[in-house]
C-alpha atoms as a PDB file:
ATOM      1  CA  MET A   1      52.932 -68.568  33.709  1.00  0.00           C
ATOM      2  CA  THR A   2      55.936 -66.265  32.966  1.00  0.00           C
ATOM      3  CA  LEU A   3      59.324 -67.487  31.228  1.00  0.00           C
ATOM      4  CA  VAL A   4      62.433 -65.760  31.261  1.00  0.00           C
ATOM      5  CA  ALA A   5      65.145 -66.218  28.683  1.00  0.00           C
ATOM      6  CA  GLY A   6      68.216 -64.455  27.765  1.00  0.00           C
ATOM      7  CA  GLY A   7      66.860 -61.904  29.836  1.00  0.00           C
ATOM      8  CA  SER A   8      63.854 -61.189  28.013  1.00  0.00           C
ATOM      9  CA  THR A   9      60.178 -62.233  29.360  1.00  0.00           C
ATOM     10  CA  ALA A  10      57.797 -64.518  27.581  1.00  0.00           C
ATOM     11  CA  TYR A  11      54.446 -65.007  28.652  1.00  0.00           C
ATOM     12  CA  THR A  12      52.460 -68.035  28.035  1.00  0.00           C
ATOM     13  CA  SER A  13      48.798 -67.471  26.389  1.00  0.00           C
ATOM     14  CA  ASP A  14      47.043 -67.767  29.710  1.00  0.00           C
ATOM     15  CA  ALA A  15      48.902 -65.086  31.285  1.00  0.00           C
ATOM     16  CA  LEU A  16      48.667 -62.554  28.076  1.00  0.00           C
ATOM     17  CA  THR A  17      44.812 -63.096  28.159  1.00  0.00           C
ATOM     18  CA  GLY A  18      44.524 -62.197  31.886  1.00  0.00           C
ATOM     19  CA  ILE A  19      46.852 -59.029  31.077  1.00  0.00           C
ATOM     20  CA  LEU A  20      44.600 -58.123  28.003  1.00  0.00           C
ATOM     21  CA  ARG A  21      41.554 -58.687  30.317  1.00  0.00           C
ATOM     22  CA  VAL A  22      42.833 -56.522  33.378  1.00  0.00           C
ATOM     23  CA  SER A  23      43.728 -53.559  31.013  1.00  0.00           C
ATOM     24  CA  THR A  24      40.616 -54.134  28.819  1.00  0.00           C
ATOM     25  CA  ASP A  25      38.475 -53.492  31.908  1.00  0.00           C
ATOM     26  CA  GLU A  26      40.738 -50.727  33.361  1.00  0.00           C
ATOM     27  CA  ILE A  27      40.173 -48.711  29.949  1.00  0.00           C
ATOM     28  CA  LYS A  28      36.410 -49.551  30.096  1.00  0.00           C
ATOM     29  CA  GLU A  29      36.429 -48.178  33.859  1.00  0.00           C
ATOM     30  CA  ALA A  30      38.688 -45.215  32.820  1.00  0.00           C
ATOM     31  CA  ALA A  31      36.522 -44.339  29.806  1.00  0.00           C
ATOM     32  CA  GLU A  32      33.047 -44.908  31.767  1.00  0.00           C
ATOM     33  CA  LEU A  33      34.491 -42.291  34.366  1.00  0.00           C
ATOM     34  CA  LEU A  34      35.708 -39.905  32.132  1.00  0.00           C
ATOM     35  CA  TYR A  35      32.802 -40.075  29.764  1.00  0.00           C
ATOM     36  CA  SER A  36      29.540 -40.827  31.517  1.00  0.00           C
ATOM     37  CA  ALA A  37      27.313 -38.138  32.826  1.00  0.00           C
ATOM     38  CA  GLY A  38      27.956 -36.779  36.249  1.00  0.00           C
ATOM     39  CA  GLU A  39      26.174 -34.137  38.237  1.00  0.00           C
ATOM     40  CA  PRO A  40      26.241 -30.909  35.800  1.00  0.00           C
ATOM     41  CA  ARG A  41      28.152 -27.912  37.127  1.00  0.00           C
ATOM     42  CA  ILE A  42      28.577 -24.325  35.495  1.00  0.00           C
ATOM     43  CA  GLY A  43      32.011 -22.849  36.271  1.00  0.00           C
ATOM     44  CA  SER A  44      32.539 -18.775  35.751  1.00  0.00           C
ATOM     45  CA  GLU A  45      30.983 -17.348  32.422  1.00  0.00           C
ATOM     46  CA  GLU A  46      32.990 -14.360  32.670  1.00  0.00           C
ATOM     47  CA  ASN A  47      35.736 -13.627  29.577  1.00  0.00           C
ATOM     48  CA  GLU A  48      39.093 -15.139  29.979  1.00  0.00           C
ATOM     49  CA  ASP A  49      40.514 -11.594  30.722  1.00  0.00           C
ATOM     50  CA  ALA A  50      38.193 -10.688  33.023  1.00  0.00           C
ATOM     51  CA  LEU A  51      39.204 -14.182  35.022  1.00  0.00           C
ATOM     52  CA  ILE A  52      42.679 -13.687  34.637  1.00  0.00           C
ATOM     53  CA  GLU A  53      42.777 -10.266  36.005  1.00  0.00           C
ATOM     54  CA  LEU A  54      40.228 -11.886  39.121  1.00  0.00           C
ATOM     55  CA  VAL A  55      42.680 -14.632  39.681  1.00  0.00           C
ATOM     56  CA  LYS A  56      45.744 -12.163  39.701  1.00  0.00           C
ATOM     57  CA  SER A  57      44.152  -9.870  42.127  1.00  0.00           C
ATOM     58  CA  ARG A  58      43.114 -12.606  44.727  1.00  0.00           C
ATOM     59  CA  PHE A  59      45.904 -15.151  44.476  1.00  0.00           C
ATOM     60  CA  PRO A  60      48.914 -12.583  43.166  1.00  0.00           C
ATOM     61  CA  ARG A  61      51.667 -15.034  43.942  1.00  0.00           C
ATOM     62  CA  LYS A  62      50.505 -18.089  42.735  1.00  0.00           C
ATOM     63  CA  PRO A  63      50.419 -19.778  38.918  1.00  0.00           C
ATOM     64  CA  TYR A  64      46.760 -20.148  37.331  1.00  0.00           C
ATOM     65  CA  CYS A  65      45.105 -22.212  34.974  1.00  0.00           C
ATOM     66  CA  LEU A  66      42.064 -21.289  33.192  1.00  0.00           C
ATOM     67  CA  VAL A  67      40.467 -24.675  32.007  1.00  0.00           C
ATOM     68  CA  GLU A  68      37.224 -25.746  30.052  1.00  0.00           C
ATOM     69  CA  ALA A  69      35.435 -29.139  29.773  1.00  0.00           C
ATOM     70  CA  TRP A  70      36.252 -30.053  33.234  1.00  0.00           C
ATOM     71  CA  THR A  71      35.459 -32.539  35.846  1.00  0.00           C
ATOM     72  CA  ILE A  72      35.924 -32.618  39.498  1.00  0.00           C
ATOM     73  CA  PHE A  73      36.033 -36.031  41.008  1.00  0.00           C
ATOM     74  CA  ARG A  74      34.889 -36.450  44.419  1.00  0.00           C
ATOM     75  CA  LEU A  75      37.070 -39.379  45.644  1.00  0.00           C
ATOM     76  CA  ASP A  76      35.276 -41.974  47.581  1.00  0.00           C
ATOM     77  CA  VAL A  77      38.047 -42.894  50.380  1.00  0.00           C
ATOM     78  CA  THR A  78      38.207 -44.491  53.552  1.00  0.00           C
ATOM     79  CA  GLU A  79      37.875 -42.786  56.959  1.00  0.00           C
ATOM     80  CA  ASP A  80      41.675 -43.680  57.123  1.00  0.00           C
ATOM     81  CA  GLU A  81      42.605 -42.073  53.757  1.00  0.00           C
ATOM     82  CA  ARG A  82      40.192 -39.065  54.720  1.00  0.00           C
ATOM     83  CA  GLN A  83      41.922 -38.420  57.881  1.00  0.00           C
ATOM     84  CA  LYS A  84      45.619 -38.536  56.270  1.00  0.00           C
ATOM     85  CA  ILE A  85      44.540 -36.100  53.023  1.00  0.00           C
ATOM     86  CA  HIS A  86      42.783 -33.729  56.018  1.00  0.00           C
ATOM     87  CA  ALA A  87      46.019 -34.189  58.076  1.00  0.00           C
ATOM     88  CA  ALA A  88      48.074 -33.007  54.967  1.00  0.00           C
ATOM     89  CA  GLY A  89      45.772 -29.858  54.506  1.00  0.00           C
ATOM     90  CA  GLN A  90      43.917 -31.254  51.449  1.00  0.00           C
ATOM     91  CA  LEU A  91      40.638 -32.319  50.234  1.00  0.00           C
ATOM     92  CA  PRO A  92      39.587 -35.624  48.865  1.00  0.00           C
ATOM     93  CA  MET A  93      38.756 -33.759  45.365  1.00  0.00           C
ATOM     94  CA  ILE A  94      41.168 -33.884  42.189  1.00  0.00           C
ATOM     95  CA  LEU A  95      40.182 -32.068  39.025  1.00  0.00           C
ATOM     96  CA  PHE A  96      40.521 -33.277  35.451  1.00  0.00           C
ATOM     97  CA  ALA A  97      40.167 -30.925  32.205  1.00  0.00           C
ATOM     98  CA  HIS A  98      40.011 -31.822  28.677  1.00  0.00           C
ATOM     99  CA  ASN A  99      41.017 -28.395  27.624  1.00  0.00           C
ATOM    100  CA  VAL A 100      43.497 -25.977  29.028  1.00  0.00           C
ATOM    101  CA  ARG A 101      42.674 -22.589  27.896  1.00  0.00           C
ATOM    102  CA  PHE A 102      45.631 -20.946  29.157  1.00  0.00           C
ATOM    103  CA  ASP A 103      48.678 -21.590  31.879  1.00  0.00           C
ATOM    104  CA  SER A 104      50.392 -18.880  33.432  1.00  0.00           C
ATOM    105  CA  GLU A 105      53.427 -21.063  33.851  1.00  0.00           C
ATOM    106  CA  ARG A 106      53.206 -22.491  30.327  1.00  0.00           C
ATOM    107  CA  ARG A 107      53.069 -26.047  31.732  1.00  0.00           C
ATOM    108  CA  PHE A 108      50.275 -26.940  29.407  1.00  0.00           C
ATOM    109  CA  ASP A 109      49.624 -25.904  25.739  1.00  0.00           C
ATOM    110  CA  VAL A 110      46.161 -24.469  24.969  1.00  0.00           C
ATOM    111  CA  GLY A 111      44.143 -27.555  24.034  1.00  0.00           C
ATOM    112  CA  ASP A 112      45.960 -29.800  26.141  1.00  0.00           C
ATOM    113  CA  TRP A 113      44.145 -31.871  28.819  1.00  0.00           C
ATOM    114  CA  MET A 114      45.523 -31.677  32.669  1.00  0.00           C
ATOM    115  CA  ARG A 115      44.908 -33.459  35.990  1.00  0.00           C
ATOM    116  CA  SER A 116      45.345 -31.819  39.288  1.00  0.00           C
ATOM    117  CA  THR A 117      46.789 -32.966  42.291  1.00  0.00           C
ATOM    118  CA  PHE A 118      44.373 -32.625  45.961  1.00  0.00           C
ATOM    119  CA  ALA A 119      42.542 -29.839  46.547  1.00  0.00           C
ATOM    120  CA  VAL A 120      43.223 -27.151  49.331  1.00  0.00           C
ATOM    121  CA  SER A 121      39.935 -25.115  48.606  1.00  0.00           C
ATOM    122  CA  PHE A 122      37.186 -24.731  46.293  1.00  0.00           C
ATOM    123  CA  GLU A 123      35.823 -21.376  46.210  1.00  0.00           C
ATOM    124  CA  GLU A 124      32.919 -19.751  44.469  1.00  0.00           C
ATOM    125  CA  GLY A 125      32.110 -22.777  42.340  1.00  0.00           C
ATOM    126  CA  PHE A 126      34.747 -22.091  39.954  1.00  0.00           C
ATOM    127  CA  LEU A 127      38.078 -21.284  41.879  1.00  0.00           C
ATOM    128  CA  PHE A 128      39.723 -24.878  42.515  1.00  0.00           C
ATOM    129  CA  GLU A 129      42.767 -24.432  44.531  1.00  0.00           C
ATOM    130  CA  THR A 130      45.890 -27.025  44.891  1.00  0.00           C
ATOM    131  CA  ARG A 131      49.136 -26.286  46.553  1.00  0.00           C
ATOM    132  CA  ASN A 132      50.971 -24.885  43.500  1.00  0.00           C
ATOM    133  CA  THR A 133      48.129 -23.669  41.419  1.00  0.00           C
ATOM    134  CA  ILE A 134      44.848 -21.816  41.295  1.00  0.00           C
ATOM    135  CA  TYR A 135      42.592 -23.642  38.329  1.00  0.00           C
ATOM    136  CA  VAL A 136      39.909 -21.468  37.083  1.00  0.00           C
ATOM    137  CA  LEU A 137      37.064 -23.436  36.030  1.00  0.00           C
ATOM    138  CA  ARG A 138      35.087 -21.796  32.846  1.00  0.00           C
ATOM    139  CA  GLY A 139      31.552 -22.803  31.257  1.00  0.00           C
ATOM    140  CA  PRO A 140      29.941 -26.213  31.864  1.00  0.00           C
ATOM    141  CA  GLY A 141      31.641 -29.187  33.868  1.00  0.00           C
ATOM    142  CA  HIS A 142      30.677 -32.098  35.697  1.00  0.00           C
ATOM    143  CA  GLU A 143      30.984 -33.421  39.357  1.00  0.00           C
ATOM    144  CA  LYS A 144      31.411 -37.118  39.947  1.00  0.00           C
ATOM    145  CA  SER A 145      32.511 -39.576  42.753  1.00  0.00           C
ATOM    146  CA  ALA A 146      35.264 -41.697  42.153  1.00  0.00           C
ATOM    147  CA  SER A 147      37.600 -44.292  43.799  1.00  0.00           C
ATOM    148  CA  LEU A 148      41.128 -43.238  44.447  1.00  0.00           C
ATOM    149  CA  LYS A 149      42.315 -45.947  42.880  1.00  0.00           C
ATOM    150  CA  THR A 150      40.355 -45.549  39.388  1.00  0.00           C
ATOM    151  CA  VAL A 151      41.209 -41.961  39.483  1.00  0.00           C
ATOM    152  CA  PHE A 152      45.265 -42.542  39.626  1.00  0.00           C
ATOM    153  CA  SER A 153      45.076 -45.836  37.448  1.00  0.00           C
ATOM    154  CA  PHE A 154      44.836 -43.851  34.366  1.00  0.00           C
ATOM    155  CA  PHE A 155      46.073 -40.502  34.846  1.00  0.00           C
END
């Protein structure tokens, strides 16, 4: 039960217990998703300078971001959700990386984490393209299945 007094909200102990339980469950789910083992994948082993030249030549007008310690989430979606995602020209895939190495637009600092929007393409096992950015996957990473709700609940 929620009580409102003087414009502020007060919660009963039952309500607080429920809120804490939901928050704890969401935190556990997020931690399990991020830190559990997935299918191991290997991105490019090229050095950063070579990858920058490659992405500039293949996608000359598109911003790019080199990342390490990455996970591709293949989203478990309903058929209706899949059709909507495909109708928008996208794929049910989202990228998360623990370590940004370089961002051509300086949206991220070196060492930051990032989460992409939906992919529009994924080429050669290391070029993850969204509408606005090419993410270049370096070194080891993972691929995991996840629900759309779970991925968006903690990012």
